[in-house]
Protein backbone atom coordinates (compact mmCIF):
# COMPACT_ATOMS: atom_id res chain seq x y z
CA MET A 1 0.00 0.00 0.00
CA GLU A 2 2.82 2.40 0.88
CA THR A 3 4.48 1.74 -2.50
CA LEU A 4 1.24 2.53 -4.28
CA ILE A 5 1.00 5.88 -2.44
CA LYS A 6 4.59 6.76 -3.43
CA ILE A 7 3.88 5.89 -7.10
CA ALA A 8 0.68 7.98 -7.04
CA GLY A 9 2.60 10.91 -5.51
CA LEU A 10 5.35 10.63 -8.13
CA LEU A 11 2.78 10.49 -10.96
CA GLY A 12 1.01 13.54 -9.53
CA PHE A 13 4.29 15.44 -9.43
CA ILE A 14 5.16 14.48 -13.03
CA ILE A 15 1.71 15.52 -14.25
CA SER A 16 1.92 18.90 -12.47
CA VAL A 17 5.39 19.60 -13.96
CA ALA A 18 4.21 18.58 -17.44
CA THR A 19 1.13 20.82 -17.10
CA PHE A 20 3.30 23.76 -16.03
CA VAL A 21 5.68 23.28 -18.97
CA LEU A 22 2.87 22.91 -21.51
CA THR A 23 1.05 26.03 -20.31
CA ARG A 24 4.29 28.05 -20.53
CA ILE A 25 4.85 26.84 -24.09
CA GLU A 26 1.23 27.52 -25.00
CA ARG A 27 1.33 31.10 -23.66
CA ARG A 28 4.42 32.12 -25.67
CA LYS A 29 4.22 35.07 -27.98
CA LYS A 30 4.29 33.89 -31.57
CA ILE A 31 4.46 36.08 -34.65
CA GLU A 32 4.25 34.54 -38.12
CA ILE A 33 6.04 36.53 -40.84
CA GLU A 34 4.91 35.87 -44.40
CA ILE A 35 6.08 37.39 -47.66
CA SER A 36 4.65 37.47 -51.16
CA ASP A 37 5.05 39.59 -54.25
CA GLU A 38 2.25 42.06 -54.98
CA MET A 39 1.54 44.85 -57.40
CA GLY A 40 1.19 48.34 -55.96
CA ILE A 41 -2.46 48.47 -57.00
CA SER A 42 -3.27 45.83 -54.36
CA PHE A 43 -2.37 48.23 -51.54
CA PRO A 44 -5.02 50.63 -50.27
CA ASN A 45 -4.32 54.30 -49.56
CA LEU A 46 -1.92 55.21 -52.34
CA ASP A 47 -2.85 58.87 -52.04
CA GLY A 48 0.20 61.07 -52.34
CA TRP A 49 2.15 58.48 -54.32
CA PRO A 50 2.80 58.81 -58.08
CA LYS A 51 0.26 57.04 -60.32
CA ASN A 52 2.91 54.68 -61.74
CA ILE A 53 3.33 53.10 -58.29
CA GLU A 54 0.31 50.92 -59.06
CA SER A 55 2.41 48.95 -61.57
CA GLU A 56 5.44 48.58 -59.26
CA TYR A 57 6.23 45.23 -57.67
CA PHE A 58 6.37 45.08 -53.89
CA ILE A 59 7.34 42.50 -51.33
CA LYS A 60 4.26 42.27 -49.15
CA VAL A 61 5.28 41.45 -45.59
CA ARG A 62 2.46 40.29 -43.34
CA PHE A 63 2.83 39.91 -39.59
CA THR A 64 0.26 37.66 -37.87
CA ASN A 65 -0.03 37.21 -34.11
CA LEU A 66 -0.66 33.49 -33.54
CA GLY A 67 -0.04 33.62 -29.79
CA PRO A 68 -2.51 34.21 -26.97
CA GLN A 69 -0.97 37.54 -25.92
CA THR A 70 -1.01 40.98 -27.49
CA VAL A 71 2.32 41.92 -29.09
CA ILE A 72 3.56 45.43 -29.84
CA LEU A 73 5.72 45.20 -32.97
CA LYS A 74 8.29 47.66 -34.23
CA PRO A 75 7.91 47.19 -38.00
CA ARG A 76 10.71 49.65 -38.75
CA THR A 77 13.15 47.09 -37.30
CA LEU A 78 12.37 44.68 -40.15
CA LYS A 79 15.46 43.05 -41.65
CA ILE A 80 15.77 40.76 -44.65
CA GLU A 81 19.03 38.84 -44.99
CA SER A 82 20.37 36.86 -47.95
CA ASN A 83 23.73 36.30 -49.62
CA GLY A 84 25.50 37.62 -46.53
CA LYS A 85 23.85 41.00 -47.16
CA VAL A 86 21.21 42.72 -45.03
CA TYR A 87 18.33 44.96 -46.07
CA CYS A 88 16.87 47.25 -43.40
CA LEU A 89 13.86 49.50 -43.91
CA VAL A 90 14.73 53.00 -45.07
CA ASN A 91 12.36 55.99 -45.00
CA ASP A 92 10.89 55.81 -48.51
CA ASP A 93 11.26 52.12 -49.34
CA TYR A 94 7.83 51.02 -48.12
CA ILE A 95 4.11 51.73 -48.25
CA GLY A 96 1.38 50.94 -45.77
CA MET A 97 3.18 52.08 -42.63
CA GLU A 98 0.76 54.96 -42.06
CA ASP A 99 -2.05 52.41 -41.60
CA PHE A 100 0.07 50.01 -39.56
CA ASP A 101 -1.15 49.61 -35.98
CA GLU A 102 1.81 48.30 -33.98
CA VAL A 103 -0.46 46.61 -31.42
CA LEU A 104 -1.25 43.11 -32.68
CA ILE A 105 -3.98 41.44 -30.70
CA PRO A 106 -4.18 37.63 -30.89
CA MET A 107 -5.13 36.29 -34.33
CA SER A 108 -4.77 39.68 -36.06
CA SER A 109 -2.39 40.65 -38.85
CA ARG A 110 -0.88 43.76 -40.43
CA SER A 111 0.94 44.25 -43.74
CA ILE A 112 3.43 46.60 -45.33
CA GLY A 113 4.84 46.70 -48.83
CA ILE A 114 8.51 47.17 -49.66
CA PHE A 115 9.77 48.09 -53.13
CA GLN A 116 11.02 44.78 -54.51
CA SER A 117 13.66 46.36 -56.74
CA VAL A 118 15.25 48.17 -53.79
CA VAL A 119 15.43 44.99 -51.66
CA LEU A 120 16.84 42.83 -54.45
CA ASN A 121 19.42 45.49 -55.30
CA LYS A 122 20.50 45.81 -51.66
CA LEU A 123 20.77 42.01 -51.31
CA ASP A 124 22.82 41.85 -54.53
CA ILE A 125 20.30 39.65 -56.36
CA SER A 126 20.18 40.24 -60.08
CA SER A 127 19.33 38.40 -63.27
CA PRO A 128 22.26 36.73 -65.05
CA LYS A 129 23.08 37.83 -68.58
CA LYS A 130 22.32 34.33 -69.84
CA TYR A 131 20.48 31.52 -68.07
CA ASP A 132 21.96 28.05 -67.87
CA ASN A 133 20.95 25.09 -65.65
CA GLU A 134 22.84 26.41 -62.64
CA SER A 135 21.64 30.01 -62.88
CA PHE A 136 18.06 29.01 -63.70
CA ASN A 137 17.83 26.89 -60.56
CA LYS A 138 19.50 29.50 -58.31
CA VAL A 139 17.47 30.13 -55.17
CA TYR A 140 18.36 32.73 -52.55
CA PRO A 141 17.34 31.81 -48.98
CA PHE A 142 15.82 34.70 -47.02
CA LYS A 143 15.95 35.25 -43.28
CA ILE A 144 13.34 37.80 -42.18
CA SER A 145 13.26 39.26 -38.69
CA VAL A 146 11.46 41.96 -36.72
CA LEU A 147 11.59 43.12 -33.08
CA ASP A 148 8.84 43.82 -30.58
CA HIS A 149 8.87 46.66 -28.03
CA ASN A 150 10.73 44.45 -25.51
CA GLY A 151 13.51 43.67 -27.99
CA LYS A 152 12.41 40.08 -28.64
CA THR A 153 13.24 38.95 -32.18
CA TYR A 154 10.73 37.09 -34.34
CA LYS A 155 12.26 35.27 -37.34
CA ASN A 156 11.26 33.34 -40.40
CA LYS A 157 13.78 31.36 -42.44
CA ARG A 158 11.27 29.43 -44.57
CA TYR A 159 11.26 31.71 -47.62
CA SER A 160 13.59 31.75 -50.59
CA TYR A 161 13.59 33.87 -53.71
CA HIS A 162 13.72 32.03 -57.03
CA GLU A 163 15.17 34.71 -59.29
CA ALA A 164 14.45 33.03 -62.63
CA VAL A 165 10.69 33.04 -62.04
CA CYS A 166 10.64 36.05 -59.63
CA GLN A 167 8.75 34.19 -56.91
CA TYR A 168 9.10 33.65 -53.19
CA VAL A 169 8.97 29.96 -52.36
CA THR A 170 8.79 28.06 -49.09
């Protein structure tokens, strides 16, 4: 009987530790960063921008809060890394920041657009003069990161840019 009580006590302790660990993991802040290529016309509020911006290509960066807690993002800390080079947001390289609410409640998302040509130029990604098998299959891995108001970094390393077809792939 005494052995049974000790086993029950040990099981109770293990269950309480496991519950504590799982609730801590479940309550973590989690920001999903997604990118896609978009035309300027798909962005609202282009007032004040030249008309030809509607035909420009942008990298649409969407931040989604998948965690159970509100997160305050600092979108101007966005960095995109590839080829050993780093792109950081500069004053006139993006659209949509004026509508960007930095407070992301759970299950909400916000987007900005960054001029694709500026990013690719800064990351030293360009089309080869002539495509062959190697250059046609060249894919540039992207590492995207952003900070919140506490300095915590949220990253995404799933995306790559396939230059030959001008698409972001996962």
